[in-house]
Amino acid sequence: MGLGDAPTKGTFQLAGREFPAVTWYTNPGLRRTYIFLLFVVLTSATNGYDGSMVNGLQALTPWQDYFNHPTGSILGLLACIMSVGSLAAIPFVPYVADGLGRRMGILIGAIIALFGVVLQTISTNLKMFIAARFFLGFGIAIAHGSAPLLITELTHTQHRPIFTAIYNTTWYVGSFVAAWLTFGTNNIAGNWSWRAPTLVQAFPSVLQVIFIWFVPESPRWDISKGRYEKALKTLADCHANGDKDDEVVQLEMQEIRDTIKLEQEFESNNWSELWRTKGNRHRLIILVSAGFFSQWSGNGLVSYYLHQVLDTIGITNSTTQLLINGILQIVNIIVAVGMCFFVDKIGRRKLFLGSTAGMLVCFIIWTVCSAQYAIHQNSGAGTAVVVMIFLYYVCYNSAWSGLLVGYTVEILPFSIRAKGMTVLFLCIDLSLWFNQYVNPVALKNIAWKYYIVYCVWLAVELVVVWFFYIETRNTPLEEIVKHFDGEGAVLGGAAATEKGRKLAGELGLDDEPTHGSIVDEKEPVVDHKEVSV
């Protein structure tokens, strides 16, 4: 079976072989694992809640009055200070995830974020509000640097592409809750109309602090620390209902263990590893471009400044603006989550190309209609802008929402996964900082003409995606290195590359039991089977 070939219906692939597909909700181990992983997924929802909340707060009169109607650079500072907090956390992110573990990274981040939420809710002046958002950004960045790693390293190989793609789409779940909550609190008189939504932002972090203790640590992280028995138990409990002799568990354990040992022996996890080889340079181009493209595609205008965008086409009523924002979040959730189930069926590359081309077309029409409204006060053109905003997001969410994290986290080998994702998040935060500080100023001064910049940029994005975003569908996590490095990839286990087999022989890995002293080598390996209740 060729690398990336679609498996036979009703099966999944591992180490070049096919196994009967498993149904997670009828499998006790997978069901328990995925339910608790939902609390890890909430990290992205917290981020999304903030974006929509800031949008909603700008439409609340009590908030505007309390903070003296911030505009221009002041409004930009209020929005971008969270990205500044995230940038400040970047130097610590990979060392927390690799040094303390994926779970501890999420816990530490959630606690810091909680402090920021409390400070934000009780703010008595603008300086206090800004400081609170700094801590909020700092904490979310720490958690965000560990959460997708834990998800992609813990989920079953059959479900990994969908689950990791869903992670980032929960941004819209948080956004949806904030949009409709601020819509409802718009009817509350006084400062609690804005303090209530800021307080609710603590809810996901509270849940994470409570439930992270029920989520197993990444077996790959445990193996990297030499904790083989613990890693095997985690794989068995999560993927085979505790059966350590399950054939899939045995293959996973061998492939993960051998690959990580080879990486530790023959490669480094220094920052320079990100550009040392041709394959890693290719990965780095994808990471950097994806980070900037995900925020510089025009979506930043609506995420934080829908209020001002709608003002430019004559929709100024706060209730109407909040209603449009709320409906947009519903559409976003449906499209973004729905497309996650097609990442293997359609393929990453096709989704990225179709999404980017669609955004370009929508934004060109959006720009033309905005110009028509500004010049001729054509109400039909204003309505067309709203339609284009919705269609634009349908295109954006068909790929960039879920695959931003789902694709980038899977293309990185374990040794540089945390650092590689840190580069991605650094680029996202830099682009967010630019968006949140420059966008309101540009909209205020040149209005619709600013959209032309994004039309040109989207064309550049399409070219980059065409040349560098390769297909990785239907490939187990460790084996994705073959797409970038070919037979020169460092890959162990049953699917080992030629180079991997040679290096494994030098280390004597072929002579080691699959899981140390836990099971005698002479014991038979049982067939993989699904256990349901």
Protein backbone atom coordinates (compact mmCIF):
# COMPACT_ATOMS: atom_id res chain seq x y z
CA MET A 1 0.00 0.00 0.00
CA GLY A 2 1.42 3.37 -1.03
CA LEU A 3 1.96 6.23 1.39
CA GLY A 4 -1.17 8.38 1.56
CA ASP A 5 -3.37 5.94 -0.39
CA ALA A 6 -6.96 5.79 0.80
CA PRO A 7 -7.59 2.74 3.01
CA THR A 8 -10.19 0.13 2.17
CA LYS A 9 -13.64 1.17 3.36
CA GLY A 10 -14.11 0.31 7.02
CA THR A 11 -10.40 0.23 7.83
CA PHE A 12 -7.56 2.52 8.92
CA GLN A 13 -3.84 2.39 8.17
CA LEU A 14 -0.82 1.93 10.41
CA ALA A 15 2.69 0.83 9.48
CA GLY A 16 1.61 0.03 5.92
CA ARG A 17 -1.17 -2.31 7.06
CA GLU A 18 -4.93 -2.03 7.38
CA PHE A 19 -6.96 -2.68 10.51
CA PRO A 20 -10.74 -2.71 11.14
CA ALA A 21 -12.03 0.79 11.88
CA VAL A 22 -13.10 1.54 15.44
CA THR A 23 -16.14 3.52 16.51
CA TRP A 24 -15.10 5.83 19.31
CA TYR A 25 -18.50 6.26 20.98
CA THR A 26 -19.01 2.49 21.38
CA ASN A 27 -15.43 1.93 22.55
CA PRO A 28 -15.08 2.57 26.33
CA GLY A 29 -11.40 3.57 26.22
CA LEU A 30 -11.74 5.96 23.29
CA ARG A 31 -15.02 7.36 24.57
CA ARG A 32 -13.53 8.20 27.97
CA THR A 33 -10.40 9.68 26.38
CA TYR A 34 -12.24 11.89 23.91
CA ILE A 35 -14.75 13.16 26.45
CA PHE A 36 -11.95 14.41 28.70
CA LEU A 37 -9.99 15.75 25.72
CA LEU A 38 -12.93 18.07 25.05
CA PHE A 39 -11.74 20.08 28.04
CA VAL A 40 -8.33 20.43 26.37
CA VAL A 41 -10.05 21.65 23.22
CA LEU A 42 -11.56 24.52 25.25
CA THR A 43 -8.22 26.36 25.02
CA SER A 44 -9.10 27.46 21.51
CA ALA A 45 -12.65 28.35 22.56
CA THR A 46 -11.26 30.79 25.13
CA ASN A 47 -9.36 32.55 22.37
CA GLY A 48 -12.46 32.75 20.18
CA TYR A 49 -14.57 34.05 23.00
CA ASP A 50 -12.23 36.98 23.42
CA GLY A 51 -12.34 38.01 19.76
CA SER A 52 -16.13 38.08 19.63
CA MET A 53 -16.43 39.63 23.08
CA VAL A 54 -14.26 42.59 22.11
CA ASN A 55 -16.46 43.00 19.04
CA GLY A 56 -19.58 42.89 21.18
CA LEU A 57 -18.28 45.23 23.87
CA GLN A 58 -17.68 47.93 21.26
CA ALA A 59 -21.40 47.89 20.49
CA LEU A 60 -22.41 48.27 24.18
CA THR A 61 -23.10 51.87 25.22
CA PRO A 62 -22.17 51.33 28.92
CA TRP A 63 -18.76 49.98 27.91
CA GLN A 64 -18.19 52.87 25.52
CA ASP A 65 -19.20 55.38 28.23
CA TYR A 66 -17.13 53.74 30.96
CA PHE A 67 -13.94 53.83 28.89
CA ASN A 68 -14.64 57.21 27.25
CA HIS A 69 -15.41 55.95 23.74
CA PRO A 70 -11.96 54.66 22.69
CA THR A 71 -11.15 55.07 18.99
CA GLY A 72 -8.23 54.74 16.62
CA SER A 73 -4.94 53.80 18.28
CA ILE A 74 -6.51 53.49 21.76
CA LEU A 75 -9.05 50.99 20.45
CA GLY A 76 -6.24 49.19 18.66
CA LEU A 77 -4.23 49.00 21.89
CA LEU A 78 -7.18 47.51 23.77
CA ALA A 79 -7.46 44.78 21.18
CA CYS A 80 -3.77 44.13 20.50
CA ILE A 81 -2.55 44.04 24.11
CA MET A 82 -3.72 40.43 24.37
CA SER A 83 -1.43 39.56 21.46
CA VAL A 84 1.38 41.42 23.22
CA GLY A 85 0.80 39.16 26.23
CA SER A 86 0.94 36.13 23.95
CA LEU A 87 4.19 37.37 22.42
CA ALA A 88 5.68 37.81 25.89
CA ALA A 89 4.84 34.16 26.66
CA ILE A 90 6.36 32.78 23.44
CA PRO A 91 9.91 32.29 24.87
CA PHE A 92 8.49 30.03 27.60
CA VAL A 93 5.99 28.01 25.57
CA PRO A 94 8.18 25.20 24.11
CA TYR A 95 10.16 24.74 27.31
CA VAL A 96 6.99 24.33 29.37
CA ALA A 97 5.51 21.84 26.87
CA ASP A 98 8.73 19.83 26.44
CA GLY A 99 10.07 20.20 29.97
CA LEU A 100 7.01 19.93 32.22
CA GLY A 101 4.72 18.05 29.90
CA ARG A 102 1.68 18.83 27.78
CA ARG A 103 -0.78 18.59 30.69
CA MET A 104 1.18 20.93 32.96
CA GLY A 105 1.42 23.48 30.15
CA ILE A 106 -2.37 23.56 29.88
CA LEU A 107 -2.80 23.80 33.65
CA ILE A 108 -0.29 26.65 34.10
CA GLY A 109 -1.79 28.56 31.19
CA ALA A 110 -5.33 28.17 32.48
CA ILE A 111 -4.39 29.47 35.94
CA ILE A 112 -2.69 32.58 34.50
CA ALA A 113 -5.66 33.18 32.20
CA LEU A 114 -8.02 32.97 35.17
CA PHE A 115 -6.07 35.71 36.93
CA GLY A 116 -6.39 37.88 33.82
CA VAL A 117 -10.15 37.32 33.59
CA VAL A 118 -10.72 38.30 37.21
CA LEU A 119 -8.63 41.45 36.81
CA GLN A 120 -10.49 42.32 33.60
CA THR A 121 -13.90 41.88 35.22
CA ILE A 122 -13.17 44.15 38.20
CA SER A 123 -11.37 46.80 36.12
CA THR A 124 -11.99 50.34 37.33
CA ASN A 125 -10.04 52.15 34.62
CA LEU A 126 -8.56 51.68 31.18
CA LYS A 127 -5.04 50.88 32.45
CA MET A 128 -6.36 48.05 34.62
CA PHE A 129 -8.41 46.65 31.74
CA ILE A 130 -5.37 46.68 29.45
CA ALA A 131 -3.14 45.00 32.07
CA ALA A 132 -5.74 42.29 32.58
CA ARG A 133 -5.84 41.52 28.87
CA PHE A 134 -2.05 41.21 28.86
CA PHE A 135 -2.18 38.44 31.49
CA LEU A 136 -5.07 36.80 29.67
CA GLY A 137 -3.02 36.64 26.47
CA PHE A 138 0.02 35.34 28.35
CA GLY A 139 -1.90 32.49 29.96
CA ILE A 140 -3.77 31.44 26.83
CA ALA A 141 -0.48 31.34 24.88
CA ILE A 142 1.05 28.92 27.40
CA ALA A 143 -1.99 26.63 27.25
CA HIS A 144 -2.30 26.99 23.47
CA GLY A 145 1.31 25.85 23.08
CA SER A 146 0.56 22.52 24.77
CA ALA A 147 -3.08 21.69 23.99
CA PRO A 148 -2.84 20.76 20.29
CA LEU A 149 0.30 18.73 21.00
CA LEU A 150 -1.50 16.66 23.62
CA ILE A 151 -4.48 16.11 21.33
CA THR A 152 -2.49 15.00 18.28
CA GLU A 153 -0.21 12.76 20.37
CA LEU A 154 -2.99 11.07 22.35
CA THR A 155 -5.81 10.47 19.87
CA HIS A 156 -6.19 7.25 17.90
CA THR A 157 -4.49 7.30 14.48
CA GLN A 158 -7.88 6.83 12.79
CA HIS A 159 -9.41 9.89 14.45
CA ARG A 160 -6.38 12.18 14.77
CA PRO A 161 -6.95 14.27 11.59
CA ILE A 162 -10.56 15.06 12.55
CA PHE A 163 -9.93 15.68 16.25
CA THR A 164 -6.91 17.94 15.72
CA ALA A 165 -8.78 19.91 13.06
CA ILE A 166 -11.75 20.35 15.38
CA TYR A 167 -9.45 21.82 18.03
CA ASN A 168 -9.02 25.16 16.31
CA THR A 169 -12.62 25.35 15.09
CA THR A 170 -13.82 25.62 18.69
CA TRP A 171 -12.56 29.19 18.40
CA TYR A 172 -16.00 29.74 16.89
CA VAL A 173 -17.77 28.03 19.78
CA GLY A 174 -16.27 30.61 22.12
CA SER A 175 -16.99 33.32 19.58
CA PHE A 176 -20.61 32.19 19.28
CA VAL A 177 -21.17 32.23 23.04
CA ALA A 178 -19.63 35.70 23.38
CA ALA A 179 -21.57 37.12 20.43
CA TRP A 180 -24.95 36.04 21.73
CA LEU A 181 -24.11 36.79 25.36
CA THR A 182 -23.20 40.40 24.54
CA PHE A 183 -26.35 40.56 22.43
CA GLY A 184 -28.35 39.58 25.50
CA THR A 185 -26.50 41.80 27.98
CA ASN A 186 -27.11 44.75 25.65
CA ASN A 187 -30.48 44.98 27.44
CA ILE A 188 -28.88 45.22 30.88
CA ALA A 189 -28.58 48.74 32.25
CA GLY A 190 -25.26 49.72 33.79
CA ASN A 191 -21.76 48.28 33.79
CA TRP A 192 -22.82 44.67 34.28
CA SER A 193 -23.79 44.68 30.62
CA TRP A 194 -20.04 44.42 29.90
CA ARG A 195 -18.72 42.97 33.16
CA ALA A 196 -20.90 39.85 32.82
CA PRO A 197 -19.45 38.75 29.46
CA THR A 198 -15.90 39.34 30.72
CA LEU A 199 -16.59 37.21 33.81
CA VAL A 200 -18.01 34.31 31.75
CA GLN A 201 -14.64 34.18 29.95
CA ALA A 202 -13.28 32.40 33.04
CA PHE A 203 -15.55 29.38 32.56
CA PRO A 204 -13.36 27.37 30.10
CA SER A 205 -10.23 27.89 32.20
CA VAL A 206 -12.05 26.79 35.36
CA LEU A 207 -13.14 23.59 33.63
CA GLN A 208 -9.58 22.93 32.45
CA VAL A 209 -8.10 23.36 35.92
CA ILE A 210 -10.60 20.79 37.22
CA PHE A 211 -10.59 18.18 34.45
CA ILE A 212 -6.99 18.24 33.18
CA TRP A 213 -6.20 15.72 35.94
CA PHE A 214 -8.39 13.15 34.18
CA VAL A 215 -6.55 13.48 30.85
CA PRO A 216 -3.55 11.15 30.37
CA GLU A 217 -0.18 12.65 29.54
CA SER A 218 1.04 12.30 25.96
CA PRO A 219 2.55 8.80 25.55
CA ARG A 220 5.08 10.31 23.15
CA TRP A 221 6.23 12.79 25.80
CA ASP A 222 6.47 9.95 28.35
CA ILE A 223 8.58 7.91 25.92
CA SER A 224 10.87 10.89 25.35
CA LYS A 225 11.50 10.88 29.10
CA GLY A 226 12.14 7.12 29.22
CA ARG A 227 8.80 6.24 30.83
CA TYR A 228 8.01 3.33 28.53
CA GLU A 229 5.70 1.39 30.82
CA LYS A 230 3.57 4.45 31.52
CA ALA A 231 3.40 5.26 27.80
CA LEU A 232 2.36 1.69 26.95
CA LYS A 233 -0.36 1.77 29.60
CA THR A 234 -1.69 5.05 28.19
CA LEU A 235 -1.77 3.70 24.64
CA ALA A 236 -3.45 0.51 25.81
CA ASP A 237 -6.03 2.26 28.01
CA CYS A 238 -6.90 4.89 25.38
CA HIS A 239 -6.75 2.81 22.18
CA ALA A 240 -7.42 -0.78 23.22
CA ASN A 241 -9.37 -0.72 26.50
CA GLY A 242 -6.30 -1.63 28.54
CA ASP A 243 -5.05 -4.51 26.34
CA LYS A 244 -1.27 -4.04 26.19
CA ASP A 245 -0.92 -6.96 23.76
CA ASP A 246 -3.27 -5.44 21.19
CA GLU A 247 -1.61 -5.51 17.76
CA VAL A 248 -2.22 -1.82 17.01
CA VAL A 249 -0.89 -0.81 20.43
CA GLN A 250 2.23 -2.93 19.86
CA LEU A 251 2.86 -1.35 16.44
CA GLU A 252 2.24 2.15 17.79
CA MET A 253 4.55 1.61 20.72
CA GLN A 254 7.36 0.29 18.55
CA GLU A 255 7.02 3.02 15.92
CA ILE A 256 6.85 5.84 18.47
CA ARG A 257 9.61 4.47 20.70
CA ASP A 258 12.06 3.74 17.89
CA THR A 259 11.42 7.02 16.08
CA ILE A 260 11.87 9.16 19.21
CA LYS A 261 15.03 7.25 20.15
CA LEU A 262 16.44 7.83 16.68
CA GLU A 263 15.56 11.53 16.84
CA GLN A 264 17.21 11.87 20.24
CA GLU A 265 20.35 10.07 19.08
CA PHE A 266 20.85 11.47 15.58
CA GLU A 267 18.95 14.77 15.55
CA SER A 268 18.65 17.62 18.01
CA ASN A 269 15.74 19.62 19.33
CA ASN A 270 17.63 22.92 19.14
CA TRP A 271 16.04 25.83 17.34
CA SER A 272 18.55 25.44 14.51
CA GLU A 273 17.01 22.04 13.70
CA LEU A 274 14.05 23.93 12.22
CA TRP A 275 16.15 24.99 9.23
CA ARG A 276 19.00 22.44 9.24
CA THR A 277 17.57 20.07 6.61
CA LYS A 278 15.69 20.63 3.35
CA GLY A 279 12.60 18.93 4.75
CA ASN A 280 12.60 21.10 7.86
CA ARG A 281 13.06 24.25 5.80
CA HIS A 282 9.99 23.22 3.83
CA ARG A 283 8.10 22.75 7.10
CA LEU A 284 9.28 26.15 8.32
CA ILE A 285 7.95 27.87 5.20
CA ILE A 286 4.56 26.28 5.85
CA LEU A 287 4.59 27.25 9.55
CA VAL A 288 5.52 30.89 8.94
CA SER A 289 3.18 31.35 5.99
CA ALA A 290 0.25 29.61 7.73
CA GLY A 291 0.70 31.80 10.81
CA PHE A 292 0.52 35.04 8.82
CA PHE A 293 -2.01 33.86 6.23
CA SER A 294 -4.44 32.72 8.92
CA GLN A 295 -4.77 36.31 10.19
CA TRP A 296 -3.80 38.43 7.18
CA SER A 297 -6.49 37.10 4.86
CA GLY A 298 -8.97 39.81 5.84
CA ASN A 299 -10.61 37.83 8.61
CA GLY A 300 -9.06 40.13 11.20
CA LEU A 301 -11.31 42.93 9.99
CA VAL A 302 -14.45 41.04 10.97
CA SER A 303 -13.06 39.20 14.01
CA TYR A 304 -12.33 42.40 15.93
CA TYR A 305 -13.75 45.31 13.90
CA LEU A 306 -17.08 44.19 12.45
CA HIS A 307 -18.56 47.21 14.22
CA GLN A 308 -16.49 49.58 12.07
CA VAL A 309 -16.87 47.54 8.87
CA LEU A 310 -20.66 47.70 9.17
CA ASP A 311 -20.48 51.43 9.96
CA THR A 312 -18.82 52.01 6.57
CA ILE A 313 -21.85 50.54 4.75
CA GLY A 314 -24.48 52.38 6.81
CA ILE A 315 -25.44 49.65 9.31
CA THR A 316 -25.00 51.55 12.58
CA ASN A 317 -27.75 50.20 14.83
CA SER A 318 -26.13 48.29 17.70
CA THR A 319 -28.86 45.62 17.83
CA THR A 320 -28.54 44.95 14.09
CA GLN A 321 -24.75 44.76 14.36
CA LEU A 322 -24.90 42.32 17.25
CA LEU A 323 -27.49 40.22 15.41
CA ILE A 324 -25.30 40.00 12.28
CA ASN A 325 -22.33 39.04 14.47
CA GLY A 326 -24.35 36.34 16.22
CA ILE A 327 -25.70 34.78 13.01
CA LEU A 328 -22.21 34.87 11.48
CA GLN A 329 -20.87 32.82 14.40
CA ILE A 330 -23.55 30.16 13.84
CA VAL A 331 -22.59 29.86 10.16
CA ASN A 332 -18.90 29.75 11.12
CA ILE A 333 -19.40 26.88 13.57
CA ILE A 334 -21.43 24.79 11.12
CA VAL A 335 -18.97 25.19 8.23
CA ALA A 336 -15.73 24.98 10.25
CA VAL A 337 -16.68 21.88 12.25
CA GLY A 338 -18.40 20.22 9.30
CA MET A 339 -15.34 20.52 7.05
CA CYS A 340 -13.15 18.79 9.66
CA PHE A 341 -14.76 15.48 8.66
CA PHE A 342 -13.48 15.86 5.09
CA VAL A 343 -9.78 16.53 5.74
CA ASP A 344 -8.85 12.96 4.76
CA LYS A 345 -11.58 12.47 2.16
CA ILE A 346 -10.81 15.64 0.17
CA GLY A 347 -7.24 16.21 1.30
CA ARG A 348 -5.40 19.08 2.94
CA ARG A 349 -3.92 20.56 -0.24
CA LYS A 350 -7.22 20.72 -2.16
CA LEU A 351 -8.97 22.30 0.82
CA PHE A 352 -6.27 24.96 1.23
CA LEU A 353 -6.30 25.82 -2.49
CA GLY A 354 -10.09 25.97 -2.76
CA SER A 355 -10.40 27.99 0.43
CA THR A 356 -7.78 30.59 -0.52
CA ALA A 357 -9.09 31.01 -4.08
CA GLY A 358 -12.64 31.42 -2.76
CA MET A 359 -11.56 34.08 -0.26
CA LEU A 360 -9.83 36.02 -3.01
CA VAL A 361 -12.96 36.10 -5.19
CA CYS A 362 -15.21 37.07 -2.27
CA PHE A 363 -12.89 39.83 -1.12
CA ILE A 364 -12.67 41.37 -4.56
CA ILE A 365 -16.48 41.54 -4.75
CA TRP A 366 -16.59 42.81 -1.14
CA THR A 367 -14.18 45.62 -2.05
CA VAL A 368 -16.10 46.63 -5.18
CA CYS A 369 -19.44 46.72 -3.34
CA SER A 370 -17.96 48.75 -0.48
CA ALA A 371 -16.65 51.27 -3.00
CA GLN A 372 -20.05 51.48 -4.67
CA TYR A 373 -21.73 52.19 -1.36
CA ALA A 374 -19.15 54.81 -0.36
CA ILE A 375 -19.35 56.62 -3.72
CA HIS A 376 -23.02 56.26 -4.64
CA GLN A 377 -24.67 55.39 -1.28
CA ASN A 378 -26.17 52.34 -2.97
CA SER A 379 -28.05 50.36 -0.32
CA GLY A 380 -27.98 47.25 -2.50
CA ALA A 381 -24.19 47.40 -2.50
CA GLY A 382 -24.21 47.60 1.30
CA THR A 383 -26.38 44.48 1.49
CA ALA A 384 -24.03 42.72 -0.94
CA VAL A 385 -21.11 43.45 1.42
CA VAL A 386 -22.89 41.61 4.24
CA VAL A 387 -23.53 38.66 1.91
CA MET A 388 -19.87 38.62 0.85
CA ILE A 389 -18.74 38.65 4.48
CA PHE A 390 -20.75 35.46 5.06
CA LEU A 391 -19.52 33.80 1.84
CA TYR A 392 -15.96 34.83 2.60
CA TYR A 393 -16.14 33.04 5.95
CA VAL A 394 -17.60 29.92 4.35
CA CYS A 395 -14.47 29.81 2.17
CA TYR A 396 -12.10 30.63 5.04
CA ASN A 397 -13.59 27.97 7.31
CA SER A 398 -13.43 25.24 4.69
CA ALA A 399 -9.68 24.96 5.42
CA TRP A 400 -7.93 27.67 7.41
CA SER A 401 -9.97 27.37 10.59
CA GLY A 402 -9.37 23.68 11.33
CA LEU A 403 -6.22 22.93 9.34
CA LEU A 404 -4.26 25.90 10.67
CA VAL A 405 -3.41 23.73 13.68
CA GLY A 406 -4.43 20.30 12.37
CA TYR A 407 -2.01 20.45 9.42
CA THR A 408 0.91 22.27 11.01
CA VAL A 409 1.08 20.11 14.14
CA GLU A 410 1.11 16.85 12.16
CA ILE A 411 3.91 17.80 9.74
CA LEU A 412 6.41 18.28 12.60
CA PRO A 413 8.52 15.41 14.01
CA PHE A 414 8.28 14.99 17.79
CA SER A 415 11.71 16.50 18.49
CA ILE A 416 10.77 19.89 17.03
CA ARG A 417 6.99 19.78 17.40
CA ALA A 418 6.76 22.16 20.37
CA LYS A 419 9.28 24.62 18.92
CA GLY A 420 7.73 24.44 15.46
CA MET A 421 4.27 25.21 16.84
CA THR A 422 5.80 28.05 18.82
CA VAL A 423 7.01 29.55 15.53
CA LEU A 424 3.48 29.20 14.15
CA PHE A 425 1.95 30.92 17.19
CA LEU A 426 4.61 33.64 17.09
CA CYS A 427 3.65 34.46 13.51
CA ILE A 428 -0.04 34.41 14.44
CA ASP A 429 0.56 36.78 17.37
CA LEU A 430 2.67 39.13 15.26
CA SER A 431 0.00 39.25 12.58
CA LEU A 432 -2.71 39.75 15.22
CA TRP A 433 -0.73 42.58 16.77
CA PHE A 434 -0.49 44.22 13.35
CA ASN A 435 -4.19 43.64 12.63
CA GLN A 436 -5.44 44.89 15.95
CA TYR A 437 -3.30 48.00 15.99
CA VAL A 438 -3.26 48.94 12.29
CA ASN A 439 -6.71 47.84 11.10
CA PRO A 440 -8.78 50.38 13.10
CA VAL A 441 -6.47 53.21 12.08
CA ALA A 442 -6.55 52.20 8.41
CA LEU A 443 -10.35 51.75 8.40
CA LYS A 444 -10.80 55.14 10.00
CA ASN A 445 -8.53 56.96 7.51
CA ILE A 446 -8.99 55.23 4.13
CA ALA A 447 -12.13 53.13 4.73
CA TRP A 448 -12.90 50.70 1.85
CA LYS A 449 -9.64 51.44 0.00
CA TYR A 450 -7.88 49.44 2.72
CA TYR A 451 -9.57 46.28 1.38
CA ILE A 452 -7.47 46.49 -1.80
CA VAL A 453 -4.40 45.56 0.26
CA TYR A 454 -6.03 42.29 1.26
CA CYS A 455 -7.06 41.49 -2.31
CA VAL A 456 -3.42 41.69 -3.40
CA TRP A 457 -2.23 39.74 -0.37
CA LEU A 458 -4.73 36.92 -0.94
CA ALA A 459 -3.32 36.48 -4.45
CA VAL A 460 0.15 36.09 -2.92
CA GLU A 461 -1.23 33.51 -0.47
CA LEU A 462 -2.68 31.43 -3.30
CA VAL A 463 0.71 31.24 -5.01
CA VAL A 464 2.50 30.15 -1.82
CA VAL A 465 -0.12 27.49 -1.02
CA TRP A 466 0.15 26.12 -4.56
CA PHE A 467 3.91 25.63 -4.39
CA PHE A 468 4.49 24.57 -0.76
CA TYR A 469 1.40 22.99 0.85
CA ILE A 470 1.77 19.25 0.14
CA GLU A 471 -0.72 16.46 0.78
CA THR A 472 -0.46 14.36 3.98
CA ARG A 473 -3.83 12.61 4.16
CA ASN A 474 -4.27 8.98 5.21
CA THR A 475 -0.86 8.91 6.92
CA PRO A 476 -0.15 7.99 10.59
CA LEU A 477 1.54 10.72 12.65
CA GLU A 478 5.13 9.39 12.76
CA GLU A 479 5.03 8.36 9.10
CA ILE A 480 4.24 11.87 7.78
CA VAL A 481 8.00 12.56 7.79
CA LYS A 482 8.21 10.50 4.60
CA HIS A 483 6.23 13.17 2.71
CA PHE A 484 8.93 15.74 3.49
CA ASP A 485 12.13 13.71 3.83
CA GLY A 486 11.48 10.61 1.71
CA GLU A 487 13.63 7.57 2.48
CA GLY A 488 16.05 9.88 4.26
CA ALA A 489 13.48 10.46 7.01
CA VAL A 490 14.27 9.38 10.56
CA LEU A 491 11.46 6.88 11.11
CA GLY A 492 11.58 3.66 13.14
CA GLY A 493 9.23 0.77 13.76
CA ALA A 494 7.58 -1.51 11.22
CA ALA A 495 7.20 1.35 8.70
CA ALA A 496 10.83 2.46 9.06
CA THR A 497 12.59 4.15 6.15
CA GLU A 498 15.81 2.77 4.76
CA LYS A 499 17.74 5.32 6.79
CA GLY A 500 15.66 4.53 9.89
CA ARG A 501 16.37 0.80 9.64
CA LYS A 502 20.09 1.43 9.25
CA LEU A 503 20.25 3.76 12.25
CA ALA A 504 18.08 1.43 14.31
CA GLY A 505 20.51 -1.38 13.59
CA GLU A 506 23.39 0.76 14.81
CA LEU A 507 21.53 1.40 18.07
CA GLY A 508 20.40 -2.19 18.43
CA LEU A 509 16.72 -1.25 18.49
CA ASP A 510 15.80 -4.32 16.43
CA ASP A 511 16.88 -6.48 19.35
CA GLU A 512 14.75 -4.67 21.97
CA PRO A 513 11.34 -5.93 23.12
CA THR A 514 8.48 -3.75 21.94
CA HIS A 515 7.79 -2.55 25.44
CA GLY A 516 10.71 -3.44 27.63
CA SER A 517 10.12 -5.97 30.36
CA ILE A 518 6.36 -5.67 30.46
CA VAL A 519 5.62 -8.52 28.05
CA ASP A 520 7.95 -11.36 27.14
CA GLU A 521 8.98 -11.33 23.48
CA LYS A 522 7.71 -14.88 22.99
CA GLU A 523 4.15 -14.02 23.94
CA PRO A 524 1.81 -13.94 20.93
CA VAL A 525 0.49 -10.60 19.73
CA VAL A 526 -3.30 -10.63 19.63
CA ASP A 527 -5.32 -9.22 16.77
CA HIS A 528 -6.70 -5.72 17.12
CA LYS A 529 -10.40 -5.80 17.89
CA GLU A 530 -13.06 -3.32 18.87
CA VAL A 531 -14.64 -3.72 22.28
CA SER A 532 -18.04 -2.10 22.66
CA VAL A 533 -20.54 -1.69 25.41
